[in-house]
N, C-alpha and C. Protein backbone atom coordinates (compact mmCIF):
# COMPACT_ATOMS: atom_id res chain seq x y z
N MET A 1 -57.76 59.81 53.66
CA MET A 1 -58.66 59.78 54.79
C MET A 1 -59.81 60.69 54.51
N PRO A 2 -61.04 60.25 54.62
CA PRO A 2 -62.18 61.15 54.39
C PRO A 2 -62.24 62.31 55.44
N PHE A 3 -62.58 63.48 54.96
CA PHE A 3 -62.66 64.59 55.91
C PHE A 3 -63.74 64.50 56.91
N SER A 4 -64.86 63.88 56.54
CA SER A 4 -65.94 63.68 57.48
C SER A 4 -65.49 62.85 58.69
N TYR A 5 -64.63 61.86 58.51
CA TYR A 5 -64.16 61.10 59.62
C TYR A 5 -63.34 61.96 60.55
N LEU A 6 -62.51 62.80 60.07
CA LEU A 6 -61.73 63.72 60.92
C LEU A 6 -62.59 64.71 61.65
N LEU A 7 -63.62 65.26 60.94
CA LEU A 7 -64.54 66.24 61.51
C LEU A 7 -65.46 65.45 62.64
N THR A 8 -65.78 64.22 62.30
CA THR A 8 -66.63 63.49 63.29
C THR A 8 -65.78 63.25 64.59
N ASN A 9 -64.55 62.86 64.44
CA ASN A 9 -63.69 62.69 65.63
C ASN A 9 -63.57 64.03 66.43
N LEU A 10 -63.49 65.11 65.74
CA LEU A 10 -63.50 66.36 66.40
C LEU A 10 -64.69 66.61 67.26
N LEU A 11 -65.88 66.29 66.71
CA LEU A 11 -67.11 66.42 67.55
C LEU A 11 -67.06 65.43 68.72
N VAL A 12 -66.49 64.26 68.53
CA VAL A 12 -66.47 63.34 69.62
C VAL A 12 -65.57 63.82 70.74
N ASP A 13 -64.44 64.47 70.35
CA ASP A 13 -63.45 65.04 71.25
C ASP A 13 -63.95 66.25 72.03
N VAL A 14 -64.83 67.01 71.42
CA VAL A 14 -65.33 68.27 72.03
C VAL A 14 -66.88 68.03 72.18
N PRO A 15 -67.26 67.55 73.32
CA PRO A 15 -68.68 67.23 73.58
C PRO A 15 -69.67 68.41 73.37
N GLU A 16 -69.15 69.61 73.59
CA GLU A 16 -69.99 70.83 73.56
C GLU A 16 -70.26 71.28 72.04
N ALA A 17 -69.40 70.64 71.15
CA ALA A 17 -69.51 71.03 69.73
C ALA A 17 -70.94 70.64 69.13
N ILE A 18 -71.36 71.50 68.31
CA ILE A 18 -72.61 71.25 67.60
C ILE A 18 -72.30 71.02 66.15
N GLY A 19 -71.15 71.41 65.60
CA GLY A 19 -70.86 71.15 64.27
C GLY A 19 -69.41 71.52 63.99
N ALA A 20 -68.89 70.95 62.86
CA ALA A 20 -67.58 71.28 62.38
C ALA A 20 -67.64 71.29 60.81
N ILE A 21 -66.96 72.21 60.27
CA ILE A 21 -67.08 72.38 58.81
C ILE A 21 -65.69 72.73 58.17
N PHE A 22 -65.38 72.15 57.10
CA PHE A 22 -64.19 72.37 56.35
C PHE A 22 -64.59 73.07 55.05
N LEU A 23 -63.95 74.27 54.87
CA LEU A 23 -64.29 75.12 53.75
C LEU A 23 -63.08 75.51 52.85
N ASP A 24 -63.45 75.92 51.64
CA ASP A 24 -62.36 76.44 50.70
C ASP A 24 -62.30 77.97 50.87
N TYR A 25 -61.40 78.59 50.07
CA TYR A 25 -61.15 80.00 50.12
C TYR A 25 -62.44 80.84 49.88
N ASP A 26 -63.32 80.38 48.98
CA ASP A 26 -64.51 81.05 48.65
C ASP A 26 -65.66 80.84 49.63
N GLY A 27 -65.43 80.09 50.76
CA GLY A 27 -66.44 79.85 51.70
C GLY A 27 -67.39 78.74 51.37
N GLU A 28 -66.99 77.97 50.39
CA GLU A 28 -67.78 76.87 49.95
C GLU A 28 -67.41 75.63 50.80
N THR A 29 -68.44 74.93 51.15
CA THR A 29 -68.26 73.74 52.04
C THR A 29 -67.61 72.62 51.27
N VAL A 30 -66.53 72.08 51.84
CA VAL A 30 -65.78 70.84 51.35
C VAL A 30 -66.46 69.63 52.01
N ASP A 31 -66.62 69.76 53.31
CA ASP A 31 -67.27 68.68 54.07
C ASP A 31 -67.70 69.21 55.43
N PHE A 32 -68.64 68.54 56.06
CA PHE A 32 -69.11 69.04 57.40
C PHE A 32 -69.71 67.86 58.11
N VAL A 33 -69.86 68.05 59.46
CA VAL A 33 -70.60 67.14 60.24
C VAL A 33 -71.34 67.97 61.31
N THR A 34 -72.51 67.55 61.71
CA THR A 34 -73.30 68.35 62.65
C THR A 34 -74.09 67.40 63.57
N ARG A 35 -74.40 67.83 64.77
CA ARG A 35 -75.18 67.04 65.64
C ARG A 35 -76.70 67.24 65.33
N HIS A 36 -77.01 68.27 64.50
CA HIS A 36 -78.31 68.61 64.09
C HIS A 36 -78.55 68.23 62.64
N GLY A 37 -79.80 67.88 62.29
CA GLY A 37 -80.05 67.46 60.98
C GLY A 37 -79.83 68.45 59.85
N GLU A 38 -80.16 69.71 60.13
CA GLU A 38 -80.06 70.76 59.05
C GLU A 38 -78.74 71.49 59.09
N PRO A 39 -77.90 71.34 57.95
CA PRO A 39 -76.63 71.98 57.97
C PRO A 39 -76.56 73.48 57.51
N PHE A 40 -77.71 74.02 57.15
CA PHE A 40 -77.76 75.33 56.50
C PHE A 40 -77.08 76.44 57.42
N ASP A 41 -77.40 76.43 58.71
CA ASP A 41 -76.87 77.48 59.61
C ASP A 41 -75.36 77.24 59.79
N LEU A 42 -74.95 76.00 59.85
CA LEU A 42 -73.54 75.76 59.93
C LEU A 42 -72.74 76.18 58.68
N LYS A 43 -73.36 75.98 57.49
CA LYS A 43 -72.66 76.40 56.26
C LYS A 43 -72.62 77.96 56.23
N VAL A 44 -73.68 78.66 56.61
CA VAL A 44 -73.67 80.10 56.65
C VAL A 44 -72.58 80.54 57.58
N GLU A 45 -72.53 79.96 58.81
CA GLU A 45 -71.56 80.43 59.84
C GLU A 45 -70.15 80.16 59.20
N GLY A 46 -69.96 79.07 58.54
CA GLY A 46 -68.65 78.78 57.94
C GLY A 46 -68.26 79.85 56.87
N ALA A 47 -69.22 80.21 56.09
CA ALA A 47 -68.99 81.26 55.07
C ALA A 47 -68.57 82.60 55.68
N TYR A 48 -69.32 82.94 56.80
CA TYR A 48 -68.99 84.23 57.49
C TYR A 48 -67.53 84.12 58.02
N GLN A 49 -67.18 82.97 58.61
CA GLN A 49 -65.87 82.86 59.16
C GLN A 49 -64.77 82.99 58.15
N GLY A 50 -65.11 82.71 56.87
CA GLY A 50 -64.13 82.96 55.76
C GLY A 50 -63.91 84.44 55.56
N ILE A 51 -65.02 85.28 55.66
CA ILE A 51 -64.85 86.67 55.59
C ILE A 51 -64.04 87.18 56.76
N PHE A 52 -64.30 86.77 58.01
CA PHE A 52 -63.56 87.16 59.10
C PHE A 52 -62.02 86.75 58.94
N THR A 53 -61.87 85.50 58.43
CA THR A 53 -60.49 85.07 58.27
C THR A 53 -59.66 85.89 57.37
N ARG A 54 -60.23 86.34 56.28
CA ARG A 54 -59.59 87.21 55.27
C ARG A 54 -59.31 88.61 55.97
N GLN A 55 -60.34 89.16 56.69
CA GLN A 55 -60.12 90.46 57.29
C GLN A 55 -59.12 90.44 58.39
N VAL A 56 -59.26 89.50 59.27
CA VAL A 56 -58.28 89.43 60.44
C VAL A 56 -56.92 89.00 59.91
N GLY A 57 -56.81 88.21 58.93
CA GLY A 57 -55.56 87.80 58.27
C GLY A 57 -54.86 89.04 57.69
N SER A 58 -55.59 89.86 57.02
CA SER A 58 -55.11 91.01 56.38
C SER A 58 -54.50 92.01 57.45
N THR A 59 -55.30 92.09 58.56
CA THR A 59 -54.75 93.01 59.65
C THR A 59 -53.52 92.53 60.28
N VAL A 60 -53.48 91.14 60.51
CA VAL A 60 -52.27 90.55 61.06
C VAL A 60 -51.12 90.70 60.14
N ASP A 61 -51.27 90.51 58.80
CA ASP A 61 -50.21 90.72 57.88
C ASP A 61 -49.74 92.21 57.87
N THR A 62 -50.62 93.17 57.91
CA THR A 62 -50.29 94.57 57.85
C THR A 62 -49.52 94.94 59.16
N ALA A 63 -49.95 94.32 60.25
CA ALA A 63 -49.24 94.56 61.50
C ALA A 63 -47.83 93.98 61.59
N GLY A 64 -47.56 93.10 60.65
CA GLY A 64 -46.25 92.45 60.59
C GLY A 64 -45.95 91.47 61.73
N ILE A 65 -46.96 90.86 62.22
CA ILE A 65 -46.78 89.93 63.40
C ILE A 65 -46.87 88.48 62.96
N GLY A 66 -46.67 88.19 61.67
CA GLY A 66 -46.74 86.82 61.21
C GLY A 66 -47.98 86.51 60.45
N SER A 67 -48.40 85.33 60.26
CA SER A 67 -49.62 85.01 59.59
C SER A 67 -50.65 84.39 60.56
N LEU A 68 -51.94 84.62 60.21
CA LEU A 68 -52.99 84.21 61.07
C LEU A 68 -53.07 82.66 61.06
N GLU A 69 -53.14 82.08 62.23
CA GLU A 69 -53.24 80.61 62.45
C GLU A 69 -54.65 80.29 62.88
N CYS A 70 -55.22 80.93 63.85
CA CYS A 70 -56.51 80.61 64.35
C CYS A 70 -57.05 81.83 65.11
N PHE A 71 -58.36 81.78 65.31
CA PHE A 71 -59.00 82.77 66.19
C PHE A 71 -60.26 82.24 66.69
N VAL A 72 -60.88 82.89 67.77
CA VAL A 72 -62.00 82.42 68.44
C VAL A 72 -62.98 83.66 68.52
N ILE A 73 -64.28 83.44 68.28
CA ILE A 73 -65.28 84.41 68.44
C ILE A 73 -66.26 83.81 69.43
N GLU A 74 -66.48 84.48 70.59
CA GLU A 74 -67.38 83.92 71.54
C GLU A 74 -68.58 84.83 71.68
N GLY A 75 -69.73 84.23 71.57
CA GLY A 75 -71.01 84.99 71.77
C GLY A 75 -71.55 84.51 73.08
N GLU A 76 -72.75 85.00 73.32
CA GLU A 76 -73.42 84.67 74.60
C GLU A 76 -73.74 83.15 74.70
N GLU A 77 -74.14 82.56 73.52
CA GLU A 77 -74.56 81.15 73.63
C GLU A 77 -73.56 80.21 72.84
N LEU A 78 -72.81 80.69 71.85
CA LEU A 78 -71.94 79.85 71.04
C LEU A 78 -70.57 80.42 70.96
N ALA A 79 -69.62 79.57 70.75
CA ALA A 79 -68.22 79.90 70.46
C ALA A 79 -67.86 79.37 69.09
N THR A 80 -67.22 80.06 68.28
CA THR A 80 -66.79 79.64 67.02
C THR A 80 -65.26 79.72 66.92
N LEU A 81 -64.63 78.56 66.71
CA LEU A 81 -63.19 78.45 66.66
C LEU A 81 -62.79 78.20 65.16
N THR A 82 -61.95 79.00 64.59
CA THR A 82 -61.52 78.90 63.28
C THR A 82 -60.01 78.63 63.13
N HIS A 83 -59.67 77.64 62.37
CA HIS A 83 -58.22 77.40 62.13
C HIS A 83 -57.88 77.54 60.61
N VAL A 84 -56.95 78.31 60.28
CA VAL A 84 -56.49 78.52 58.86
C VAL A 84 -55.64 77.38 58.40
N LEU A 85 -55.91 76.96 57.12
CA LEU A 85 -55.10 75.87 56.55
C LEU A 85 -54.43 76.43 55.28
N PRO A 86 -53.58 75.63 54.72
CA PRO A 86 -52.89 76.13 53.42
C PRO A 86 -53.90 76.37 52.40
N ASP A 87 -53.45 77.25 51.40
CA ASP A 87 -54.18 77.54 50.16
C ASP A 87 -55.55 78.16 50.44
N GLY A 88 -55.73 78.85 51.51
CA GLY A 88 -56.99 79.51 51.84
C GLY A 88 -58.09 78.64 52.41
N TYR A 89 -57.81 77.35 52.63
CA TYR A 89 -58.82 76.51 53.20
C TYR A 89 -58.81 76.81 54.72
N TYR A 90 -59.95 76.51 55.36
CA TYR A 90 -60.02 76.67 56.81
C TYR A 90 -61.02 75.68 57.43
N VAL A 91 -61.00 75.41 58.67
CA VAL A 91 -61.92 74.49 59.35
C VAL A 91 -62.46 75.30 60.57
N VAL A 92 -63.81 75.09 60.80
CA VAL A 92 -64.48 75.85 61.79
C VAL A 92 -65.15 74.89 62.69
N LEU A 93 -65.06 75.12 64.04
CA LEU A 93 -65.79 74.30 65.07
C LEU A 93 -66.72 75.31 65.76
N VAL A 94 -67.99 74.92 65.81
CA VAL A 94 -69.03 75.69 66.46
C VAL A 94 -69.47 74.83 67.74
N ALA A 95 -69.39 75.52 68.91
CA ALA A 95 -69.68 74.78 70.20
C ALA A 95 -70.65 75.67 71.05
N ARG A 96 -71.37 75.03 71.82
CA ARG A 96 -72.22 75.66 72.85
C ARG A 96 -71.32 76.17 73.94
N ARG A 97 -71.66 77.24 74.55
CA ARG A 97 -70.94 77.77 75.72
C ARG A 97 -71.70 77.30 76.96
N PRO A 98 -71.00 77.06 77.99
CA PRO A 98 -69.53 77.21 78.15
C PRO A 98 -68.87 75.98 77.47
N VAL A 99 -67.69 76.29 76.89
CA VAL A 99 -66.91 75.21 76.29
C VAL A 99 -65.45 75.27 76.88
N ALA A 100 -64.86 74.16 77.06
CA ALA A 100 -63.50 74.17 77.52
C ALA A 100 -62.59 74.53 76.29
N ARG A 101 -62.40 75.78 76.29
CA ARG A 101 -61.74 76.39 74.99
C ARG A 101 -60.40 75.85 74.76
N ALA A 102 -59.57 75.67 75.78
CA ALA A 102 -58.23 75.18 75.52
C ALA A 102 -58.26 73.76 74.87
N ARG A 103 -59.18 72.96 75.42
CA ARG A 103 -59.35 71.58 74.88
C ARG A 103 -59.88 71.63 73.53
N ALA A 104 -60.93 72.46 73.24
CA ALA A 104 -61.47 72.60 71.92
C ALA A 104 -60.40 73.10 70.92
N GLN A 105 -59.57 74.10 71.32
CA GLN A 105 -58.48 74.57 70.41
C GLN A 105 -57.50 73.53 70.11
N HIS A 106 -57.15 72.76 71.11
CA HIS A 106 -56.21 71.68 70.91
C HIS A 106 -56.68 70.62 69.92
N HIS A 107 -57.89 70.21 70.04
CA HIS A 107 -58.40 69.17 69.19
C HIS A 107 -58.67 69.75 67.74
N LEU A 108 -59.08 71.00 67.70
CA LEU A 108 -59.23 71.68 66.40
C LEU A 108 -57.84 71.77 65.73
N HIS A 109 -56.82 72.08 66.47
CA HIS A 109 -55.47 72.24 65.89
C HIS A 109 -55.01 70.82 65.41
N GLN A 110 -55.26 69.81 66.07
CA GLN A 110 -54.86 68.43 65.70
C GLN A 110 -55.61 68.07 64.45
N THR A 111 -56.89 68.35 64.39
CA THR A 111 -57.77 68.06 63.16
C THR A 111 -57.20 68.83 62.00
N ALA A 112 -56.86 70.10 62.21
CA ALA A 112 -56.38 70.98 61.17
C ALA A 112 -55.09 70.46 60.57
N LYS A 113 -54.18 69.94 61.42
CA LYS A 113 -52.96 69.38 61.01
C LYS A 113 -53.20 68.21 60.11
N MET A 114 -54.14 67.30 60.43
CA MET A 114 -54.42 66.12 59.72
C MET A 114 -55.07 66.51 58.28
N ILE A 115 -55.94 67.45 58.30
CA ILE A 115 -56.62 67.94 57.09
C ILE A 115 -55.54 68.58 56.18
N ALA A 116 -54.61 69.42 56.75
CA ALA A 116 -53.57 69.98 55.95
C ALA A 116 -52.77 68.96 55.28
N ARG A 117 -52.42 67.86 55.94
CA ARG A 117 -51.56 66.82 55.30
C ARG A 117 -52.31 66.22 54.09
N GLU A 118 -53.69 66.04 54.27
CA GLU A 118 -54.47 65.45 53.23
C GLU A 118 -54.64 66.29 51.97
N ILE A 119 -54.60 67.66 52.18
CA ILE A 119 -54.76 68.50 51.06
C ILE A 119 -53.45 68.94 50.33
N GLU A 120 -52.33 68.55 50.95
CA GLU A 120 -51.03 69.00 50.33
C GLU A 120 -50.79 68.13 49.14
């Protein structure tokens, strides 16, 4: 199943979303979809989320509370939801605020499960 199909469905399920991006361990884009024509900002945001994923994951590991699954960063205008996948991959959803965060997290989690099955 193409990743763009899964990411597009995620945007459909989360109307506030402005983009979704699937990245590898190095922060390189595997695939993305956006409601805007220019993907540069989305790709930069995705790469930054990779840095945050490694830092927060390291803290979670050190604390001995399991492994990092997902996290949310909310700013004044945007919310960024990140879900960790196997082998260092991760998927990021960027949405305008206000966003129904529980709904967005649910759909991101479902998308992440389908992507994880595809990359195994």
